[in-house]
């Protein structure tokens, strides 16, 4: 097969990867009583590997692209991998830790590959991701409005019911309301994805010149907004607000020059927000009430989980307790508790420190710092800010098997 056909094949695989990334379709290799202890092969991971393998014969990617990366970036990535290997050797479940490390390495290689692609390819990939996320938004809105959920092994969607214990709900005097999950494992992750989609569609809207493109991205923007709102994720709300401020600051000249379009989109944002909040006002009051039974439990549990994470870090500050193994380490300390009691620390950086140790976090932080530097050059700090804010209040960008793929694909798109 000639290079032209390899290019077409690799482009198709990249677009397919971006399309399925938000979905959790997987083949379970080792089942477990907790999702955090499960080992699976994800469709997205297979497509990422195939994309990498086809890009090499296409001539678009070679060893020189790795060598062209800043030396400090390469050293940071190497430090992260080496410490991850050492940590896995001493993990309570070495197989699980090496599995998590393998996913991280694949994501790092994928980053190197995607960042080297032409900007036109990156824009197309970002657009495909937005379109795929829009389907998640529709599913989440359907779940919330109808209070009905469905399961699909093909799409990787689990069934959720407001009547089931452990399901994320809002509790009012009228009963329990199911929060929107989309195709994600938790509404907080769904809210984070929707916040990223909201910011991404706004950036495309501002930077598009054709009217038809602006209408399309305005539609996506207004679709993601209610999806974020019905996730009831406070972290997603905060990340979205700060991200919007960053977008307005970075694109202030463009917003001034097309002030009519700016006023229109701002007005629609306010109207949509007021409409959704007014329609479900008791739910937002219950979510904001810190004395509400579920909110008290949530805050207490979050504090307890973060204390466990800190204890794990103190137990092994240099190499951590093993990638993906923090909940197993907790289980060893409290063997009488059921598996559902064990969740990761609700902070990306604390979780990374507890599982990989201080040197692992140093390497990871350096990779994030490079992404921030590039986001400033590209005027895409808003995307980075949303990601970073989500890491401060949740763990899913680190704990999800596809969390590293999300992180480093987004880094590559803003590189």
Protein backbone atom coordinates (compact mmCIF):
# COMPACT_ATOMS: atom_id res chain seq x y z
CA UNK A 1 0.00 0.00 0.00
CA UNK A 2 1.42 3.40 -0.97
CA UNK A 3 1.84 6.33 1.39
CA UNK A 4 -1.27 8.09 0.11
CA UNK A 5 -3.47 5.17 1.14
CA UNK A 6 -1.71 4.92 4.51
CA UNK A 7 -2.49 8.59 5.08
CA UNK A 8 -6.17 8.01 4.28
CA UNK A 9 -6.31 4.97 6.57
CA UNK A 10 -4.59 6.75 9.44
CA UNK A 11 -6.86 9.79 9.05
CA UNK A 12 -9.94 7.58 9.14
CA UNK A 13 -8.71 5.76 12.25
CA UNK A 14 -7.93 9.04 13.99
CA UNK A 15 -11.42 10.37 13.31
CA UNK A 16 -12.94 7.09 14.48
CA UNK A 17 -10.85 7.28 17.66
CA UNK A 18 -12.08 10.81 18.35
CA UNK A 19 -15.65 9.69 17.69
CA UNK A 20 -15.61 6.76 20.15
CA UNK A 21 -13.44 8.38 22.83
CA UNK A 22 -16.41 9.58 24.95
CA UNK A 23 -17.89 6.07 24.99
CA UNK A 24 -16.94 3.28 27.41
CA UNK A 25 -17.20 0.27 25.08
CA UNK A 26 -14.92 -2.44 26.42
CA UNK A 27 -14.05 -6.14 26.61
CA UNK A 28 -13.58 -7.18 30.24
CA UNK A 29 -10.48 -9.34 30.68
CA UNK A 30 -10.58 -9.51 34.47
CA UNK A 31 -13.83 -8.73 36.23
CA UNK A 32 -13.88 -7.42 39.79
CA UNK A 33 -16.39 -6.42 42.45
CA UNK A 34 -15.20 -2.82 41.99
CA UNK A 35 -14.80 -1.05 38.65
CA UNK A 36 -11.52 0.37 39.94
CA UNK A 37 -10.02 -3.15 40.12
CA UNK A 38 -11.23 -4.27 36.70
CA UNK A 39 -8.93 -4.85 33.72
CA UNK A 40 -10.47 -4.31 30.29
CA UNK A 41 -9.57 -3.59 26.69
CA UNK A 42 -11.37 -0.47 25.47
CA UNK A 43 -12.35 0.09 21.86
CA UNK A 44 -10.76 3.52 22.09
CA UNK A 45 -7.42 2.06 23.21
CA UNK A 46 -7.37 -0.40 20.31
CA UNK A 47 -8.11 2.41 17.85
CA UNK A 48 -5.40 4.61 19.38
CA UNK A 49 -2.82 1.84 18.90
CA UNK A 50 -3.97 1.21 15.32
CA UNK A 51 -3.82 4.96 14.58
CA UNK A 52 -0.24 5.12 15.83
CA UNK A 53 0.80 2.05 13.82
CA UNK A 54 -0.72 3.37 10.57
CA UNK A 55 0.71 6.87 10.97
CA UNK A 56 4.27 5.52 10.92
CA UNK A 57 4.19 4.02 7.37
CA UNK A 58 2.23 7.07 6.19
CA UNK A 59 5.35 9.14 6.81
CA UNK A 60 3.45 11.67 8.92
CA UNK A 61 5.06 10.48 12.15
CA UNK A 62 8.58 9.24 12.87
CA UNK A 63 11.19 9.07 15.61
CA UNK A 64 12.23 12.64 14.81
CA UNK A 65 8.95 13.91 16.24
CA UNK A 66 9.82 12.40 19.61
CA UNK A 67 13.35 13.79 19.34
CA UNK A 68 11.94 17.23 18.49
CA UNK A 69 10.01 17.38 21.76
CA UNK A 70 11.64 19.67 24.37
CA UNK A 71 14.32 17.82 26.30
CA UNK A 72 12.67 18.59 29.64
CA UNK A 73 9.37 17.18 28.33
CA UNK A 74 11.11 13.93 27.35
CA UNK A 75 12.84 13.68 30.72
CA UNK A 76 9.56 14.36 32.52
CA UNK A 77 7.74 11.67 30.54
CA UNK A 78 10.58 9.23 31.19
CA UNK A 79 10.56 10.03 34.91
CA UNK A 80 6.81 9.42 35.06
CA UNK A 81 7.14 6.05 33.31
CA UNK A 82 10.16 4.82 35.32
CA UNK A 83 8.58 5.73 38.66
CA UNK A 84 5.35 4.11 37.48
CA UNK A 85 7.25 0.87 36.79
CA UNK A 86 8.91 0.87 40.21
CA UNK A 87 5.59 1.68 41.87
CA UNK A 88 3.86 -1.19 40.04
CA UNK A 89 6.47 -3.67 41.27
CA UNK A 90 5.51 -2.94 44.88
CA UNK A 91 1.77 -2.59 44.24
CA UNK A 92 -0.78 -4.77 46.07
CA UNK A 93 -1.94 -5.71 42.55
CA UNK A 94 1.05 -5.44 40.14
CA UNK A 95 -1.01 -6.60 37.15
CA UNK A 96 -3.54 -3.80 37.67
CA UNK A 97 -0.78 -1.21 38.13
CA UNK A 98 1.07 -2.28 34.98
CA UNK A 99 -2.25 -2.15 33.11
CA UNK A 100 -2.80 1.46 34.24
CA UNK A 101 0.81 2.30 33.35
CA UNK A 102 0.40 0.76 29.88
CA UNK A 103 -2.64 2.98 29.26
CA UNK A 104 -0.59 6.01 30.32
CA UNK A 105 2.30 5.10 28.00
CA UNK A 106 -0.08 4.57 25.07
CA UNK A 107 -1.60 7.99 25.79
CA UNK A 108 1.83 9.65 25.87
CA UNK A 109 2.77 8.10 22.51
CA UNK A 110 -0.61 9.16 21.12
CA UNK A 111 0.10 12.70 22.31
CA UNK A 112 3.44 12.77 20.47
CA UNK A 113 1.72 11.52 17.32
CA UNK A 114 -1.24 13.91 17.36
CA UNK A 115 0.72 17.04 18.28
CA UNK A 116 2.89 16.47 15.20
CA UNK A 117 -0.10 16.46 12.84
CA UNK A 118 -1.04 19.46 10.66
CA UNK A 119 -3.25 22.04 12.36
CA UNK A 120 -6.07 21.30 9.92
CA UNK A 121 -6.13 17.68 11.10
CA UNK A 122 -6.16 18.80 14.73
CA UNK A 123 -9.11 21.12 14.11
CA UNK A 124 -10.98 18.30 12.40
CA UNK A 125 -10.24 15.94 15.31
CA UNK A 126 -11.48 18.54 17.80
CA UNK A 127 -14.67 18.94 15.76
CA UNK A 128 -15.28 15.17 15.75
CA UNK A 129 -14.80 15.07 19.53
CA UNK A 130 -17.38 17.86 19.92
CA UNK A 131 -19.88 16.06 17.72
CA UNK A 132 -19.42 12.84 19.70
CA UNK A 133 -19.84 14.72 22.98
CA UNK A 134 -23.05 16.25 21.64
CA UNK A 135 -24.58 12.75 21.48
CA UNK A 136 -23.59 12.28 25.12
CA UNK A 137 -25.31 15.57 25.89
CA UNK A 138 -28.52 14.35 24.26
CA UNK A 139 -28.40 11.10 26.23
CA UNK A 140 -27.80 12.96 29.49
CA UNK A 141 -30.67 15.37 28.85
CA UNK A 142 -32.96 12.47 27.98
CA UNK A 143 -32.00 10.67 31.21
CA UNK A 144 -32.69 13.72 33.32
CA UNK A 145 -35.90 14.96 31.69
CA UNK A 146 -37.55 11.54 31.48
CA UNK A 147 -35.88 10.12 34.62
CA UNK A 148 -35.30 7.00 32.53
CA UNK A 149 -32.02 5.26 31.83
CA UNK A 150 -31.01 2.46 29.50
CA UNK A 151 -28.04 0.12 29.35
CA UNK A 152 -25.96 -0.64 26.25
CA UNK A 153 -22.88 -2.85 26.22
CA UNK A 154 -22.07 -1.60 22.71
CA UNK A 155 -22.00 2.04 23.82
CA UNK A 156 -20.63 1.25 27.28
CA UNK A 157 -23.66 2.75 29.04
CA UNK A 158 -24.76 1.37 32.41
CA UNK A 159 -28.32 1.42 33.75
CA UNK A 160 -29.08 3.93 36.51
CA UNK A 161 -32.22 4.30 38.62
CA UNK A 162 -33.01 7.00 41.16
CA UNK A 163 -34.49 4.29 43.38
CA UNK A 164 -31.19 2.40 43.66
CA UNK A 165 -28.80 3.09 46.52
CA UNK A 166 -25.45 4.41 45.32
CA UNK A 167 -26.95 6.20 42.32
CA UNK A 168 -26.14 9.92 42.13
CA UNK A 169 -29.38 11.78 42.82
CA UNK A 170 -30.79 15.05 44.13
CA UNK A 171 -33.10 14.54 47.09
CA UNK A 172 -36.04 16.89 47.74
CA UNK A 173 -39.30 16.69 49.67
CA UNK A 174 -40.91 15.33 46.49
CA UNK A 175 -38.46 12.43 46.18
CA UNK A 176 -35.19 11.47 44.48
CA UNK A 177 -34.14 12.88 41.09
CA UNK A 178 -31.61 11.12 38.90
CA UNK A 179 -28.69 13.33 37.90
CA UNK A 180 -27.58 13.10 34.26
CA UNK A 181 -24.91 10.45 33.63
CA UNK A 182 -24.74 10.46 29.84
CA UNK A 183 -22.43 7.60 28.87
CA UNK A 184 -20.11 8.36 31.79
CA UNK A 185 -19.70 6.45 35.02
CA UNK A 186 -20.71 9.42 37.17
CA UNK A 187 -22.50 12.77 36.70
CA UNK A 188 -19.35 14.64 37.78
CA UNK A 189 -17.43 13.14 34.84
CA UNK A 190 -20.39 13.84 32.54
CA UNK A 191 -20.48 17.45 33.74
CA UNK A 192 -16.76 17.83 33.12
CA UNK A 193 -17.06 16.51 29.57
CA UNK A 194 -20.00 18.84 28.92
CA UNK A 195 -18.04 21.83 30.27
CA UNK A 196 -15.18 21.00 27.89
CA UNK A 197 -17.66 20.66 25.01
CA UNK A 198 -19.29 23.97 25.93
CA UNK A 199 -15.97 25.83 25.95
CA UNK A 200 -14.75 24.10 22.79
CA UNK A 201 -17.90 24.96 20.83
CA UNK A 202 -17.69 28.60 21.98
CA UNK A 203 -14.08 28.85 20.76
CA UNK A 204 -15.09 27.43 17.38
CA UNK A 205 -18.06 29.84 17.28
CA UNK A 206 -15.87 32.88 17.94
CA UNK A 207 -13.17 31.89 15.45
CA UNK A 208 -15.48 30.77 12.62
CA UNK A 209 -16.20 33.27 9.86
CA UNK A 210 -18.91 31.49 7.89
CA UNK A 211 -22.47 32.08 9.08
CA UNK A 212 -23.40 28.40 8.64
CA UNK A 213 -20.48 27.33 10.83
CA UNK A 214 -21.42 29.87 13.49
CA UNK A 215 -25.00 28.63 13.57
CA UNK A 216 -23.79 25.04 13.96
CA UNK A 217 -21.41 25.86 16.81
CA UNK A 218 -24.01 28.06 18.50
CA UNK A 219 -26.34 25.04 18.44
CA UNK A 220 -23.66 22.85 20.06
CA UNK A 221 -22.91 25.58 22.59
CA UNK A 222 -26.58 25.80 23.61
CA UNK A 223 -26.84 21.99 23.73
CA UNK A 224 -23.88 21.58 26.08
CA UNK A 225 -25.08 24.31 28.48
CA UNK A 226 -28.22 22.57 29.83
CA UNK A 227 -26.29 19.28 29.83
CA UNK A 228 -23.76 20.83 32.23
CA UNK A 229 -26.56 22.24 34.36
CA UNK A 230 -28.39 18.91 34.79
CA UNK A 231 -25.18 17.14 35.83
CA UNK A 232 -25.41 19.14 39.08
CA UNK A 233 -21.62 18.95 39.30
CA UNK A 234 -20.30 21.90 41.29
CA UNK A 235 -16.78 21.27 39.96
CA UNK A 236 -18.09 21.43 36.39
CA UNK A 237 -19.97 24.67 37.16
CA UNK A 238 -16.85 26.31 38.59
CA UNK A 239 -14.62 25.06 35.77
CA UNK A 240 -17.13 26.32 33.20
CA UNK A 241 -17.40 29.80 34.74
CA UNK A 242 -13.62 30.25 34.90
CA UNK A 243 -13.28 28.80 31.40
CA UNK A 244 -15.83 31.29 30.04
CA UNK A 245 -13.94 34.17 31.64
CA UNK A 246 -10.72 32.90 30.02
CA UNK A 247 -12.41 32.60 26.61
CA UNK A 248 -13.73 36.16 26.81
CA UNK A 249 -10.33 37.52 27.84
CA UNK A 250 -8.39 35.63 25.16
CA UNK A 251 -10.83 36.58 22.40
CA UNK A 252 -11.78 40.08 23.61
CA UNK A 253 -10.81 41.77 20.35
CA UNK A 254 -12.84 39.33 18.23
CA UNK A 255 -15.80 39.70 20.59
CA UNK A 256 -15.64 43.49 20.33
CA UNK A 257 -15.39 43.48 16.55
CA UNK A 258 -18.48 41.28 16.18
CA UNK A 259 -20.45 42.71 19.08
CA UNK A 260 -23.86 41.77 17.66
CA UNK A 261 -22.97 38.08 17.61
CA UNK A 262 -21.47 38.46 21.09
CA UNK A 263 -24.64 40.03 22.49
CA UNK A 264 -26.74 37.33 20.82
CA UNK A 265 -24.79 34.39 22.25
CA UNK A 266 -24.56 36.04 25.69
CA UNK A 267 -28.31 36.66 25.74
CA UNK A 268 -29.05 33.09 24.72
CA UNK A 269 -26.72 31.84 27.45
CA UNK A 270 -28.53 33.82 30.13
CA UNK A 271 -31.98 32.83 28.83
CA UNK A 272 -31.07 29.13 28.65
CA UNK A 273 -29.58 29.16 32.16
CA UNK A 274 -32.56 31.00 33.66
CA UNK A 275 -35.01 28.68 31.89
CA UNK A 276 -33.36 25.46 33.12
CA UNK A 277 -32.80 26.69 36.68
CA UNK A 278 -36.35 28.07 36.93
CA UNK A 279 -37.87 24.85 35.64
CA UNK A 280 -36.02 22.72 38.20
CA UNK A 281 -35.51 25.36 40.89
CA UNK A 282 -36.21 23.06 43.90
CA UNK A 283 -33.45 20.72 42.74
CA UNK A 284 -30.89 23.52 42.56
CA UNK A 285 -31.94 24.77 45.99
CA UNK A 286 -31.50 21.24 47.39
CA UNK A 287 -28.07 20.94 45.74
CA UNK A 288 -27.00 24.29 47.19
CA UNK A 289 -28.29 23.45 50.69
CA UNK A 290 -25.25 22.25 52.61
CA UNK A 291 -27.52 20.96 55.40
CA UNK A 292 -29.33 18.62 52.99
CA UNK A 293 -28.85 14.98 54.05
CA UNK A 294 -27.17 13.87 50.82
CA UNK A 295 -24.99 16.98 50.66
CA UNK A 296 -23.78 16.42 54.24
CA UNK A 297 -22.95 12.81 53.35
CA UNK A 298 -21.23 13.86 50.13
CA UNK A 299 -19.00 16.44 51.83
CA UNK A 300 -18.18 14.05 54.67
CA UNK A 301 -17.34 11.20 52.27
CA UNK A 302 -15.21 13.46 50.09
CA UNK A 303 -13.20 14.60 53.11
CA UNK A 304 -12.76 11.01 54.28
CA UNK A 305 -11.59 9.85 50.84
CA UNK A 306 -9.06 12.68 50.61
CA UNK A 307 -7.74 11.80 54.07
CA UNK A 308 -7.29 8.20 52.94
CA UNK A 309 -5.39 9.44 49.90
CA UNK A 310 -3.14 11.57 52.08
CA UNK A 311 -2.53 8.60 54.39
CA UNK A 312 -1.53 6.44 51.41
CA UNK A 313 0.91 9.13 50.29
CA UNK A 314 2.40 9.32 53.79
CA UNK A 315 2.77 5.53 53.81
CA UNK A 316 4.82 5.57 50.59
CA UNK A 317 5.78 9.12 49.57
CA UNK A 318 8.50 8.15 47.08
CA UNK A 319 6.80 5.53 44.89
CA UNK A 320 3.19 5.54 46.09
CA UNK A 321 1.03 2.49 46.68
CA UNK A 322 0.83 1.55 42.99
CA UNK A 323 -0.97 3.04 40.00
CA UNK A 324 -4.67 2.24 40.19
CA UNK A 325 -4.20 0.56 43.57
CA UNK A 326 -5.10 3.25 46.12
CA UNK A 327 -8.52 1.72 46.77
CA UNK A 328 -6.91 -1.71 47.16
CA UNK A 329 -4.52 -0.24 49.71
CA UNK A 330 -7.53 1.14 51.58
CA UNK A 331 -9.22 -2.27 51.39
CA UNK A 332 -6.18 -3.89 53.01
CA UNK A 333 -6.44 -1.45 55.91
CA UNK A 334 -10.22 -1.92 56.30
CA UNK A 335 -10.96 -5.47 55.07
CA UNK A 336 -14.36 -5.65 56.76
CA UNK A 337 -15.86 -2.87 54.60
CA UNK A 338 -17.71 -3.68 51.37
CA UNK A 339 -16.05 -2.80 48.05
CA UNK A 340 -18.41 0.12 47.35
CA UNK A 341 -16.94 1.98 50.35
CA UNK A 342 -13.63 2.39 48.51
CA UNK A 343 -13.21 5.24 46.04
CA UNK A 344 -10.15 7.26 45.00
CA UNK A 345 -9.24 10.60 46.57
CA UNK A 346 -11.34 13.34 44.98
CA UNK A 347 -8.35 15.31 43.74
CA UNK A 348 -6.30 14.41 40.65
CA UNK A 349 -3.00 15.49 42.17
CA UNK A 350 -3.54 13.90 45.56
CA UNK A 351 -4.55 10.65 43.87
CA UNK A 352 -1.49 10.74 41.60
CA UNK A 353 0.75 11.37 44.63
CA UNK A 354 -0.82 8.56 46.66
CA UNK A 355 -0.51 6.05 43.81
CA UNK A 356 2.74 7.13 42.13
CA UNK A 357 4.63 9.11 44.75
CA UNK A 358 6.20 12.54 44.73
CA UNK A 359 8.54 12.01 41.74
CA UNK A 360 5.66 10.68 39.63
CA UNK A 361 3.70 13.86 40.40
CA UNK A 362 6.71 16.05 39.56
CA UNK A 363 6.94 14.40 36.13
CA UNK A 364 3.21 14.69 35.56
CA UNK A 365 3.12 18.33 36.68
CA UNK A 366 5.92 19.17 34.23
CA UNK A 367 3.89 17.68 31.36
CA UNK A 368 0.92 19.80 32.44
CA UNK A 369 3.18 22.88 32.61
CA UNK A 370 4.29 22.35 29.00
CA UNK A 371 0.64 22.06 27.94
CA UNK A 372 -0.16 25.32 29.73
CA UNK A 373 2.72 27.07 27.96
CA UNK A 374 1.44 25.89 24.57
CA UNK A 375 -2.15 26.84 25.43
CA UNK A 376 -1.00 30.42 26.02
CA UNK A 377 0.70 30.53 22.63
CA UNK A 378 -2.43 29.18 20.93
CA UNK A 379 -4.86 31.34 22.94
CA UNK A 380 -6.46 28.16 24.29
CA UNK A 381 -5.83 28.72 27.99
CA UNK A 382 -9.58 28.37 28.52
CA UNK A 383 -9.44 24.66 27.63
CA UNK A 384 -6.47 24.12 29.91
CA UNK A 385 -8.15 26.03 32.74
CA UNK A 386 -11.29 23.87 32.56
CA UNK A 387 -9.16 20.72 32.70
CA UNK A 388 -7.06 22.01 35.59
CA UNK A 389 -10.05 23.13 37.64
CA UNK A 390 -11.60 19.69 37.23
CA UNK A 391 -8.43 18.08 38.60
CA UNK A 392 -8.70 20.09 41.82
CA UNK A 393 -12.11 18.71 42.77
CA UNK A 394 -12.33 15.30 41.13
CA UNK A 395 -10.27 12.27 40.16
CA UNK A 396 -11.74 10.93 36.93
CA UNK A 397 -9.09 12.36 34.58
CA UNK A 398 -6.64 10.15 36.49
CA UNK A 399 -8.75 7.23 37.73
CA UNK A 400 -10.74 6.48 34.57
CA UNK A 401 -9.01 3.98 32.25
CA UNK A 402 -9.50 6.49 29.42
CA UNK A 403 -8.66 9.50 31.61
CA UNK A 404 -5.06 9.67 30.41
CA UNK A 405 -6.20 9.34 26.78
CA UNK A 406 -8.54 12.30 27.28
CA UNK A 407 -5.86 14.36 29.01
CA UNK A 408 -3.12 13.89 26.46
CA UNK A 409 -5.37 14.11 23.41
CA UNK A 410 -6.59 17.50 24.63
CA UNK A 411 -2.98 18.51 25.31
CA UNK A 412 -2.08 17.50 21.74
CA UNK A 413 -4.97 19.50 20.28
CA UNK A 414 -3.85 22.68 22.07
CA UNK A 415 -0.13 22.06 21.36
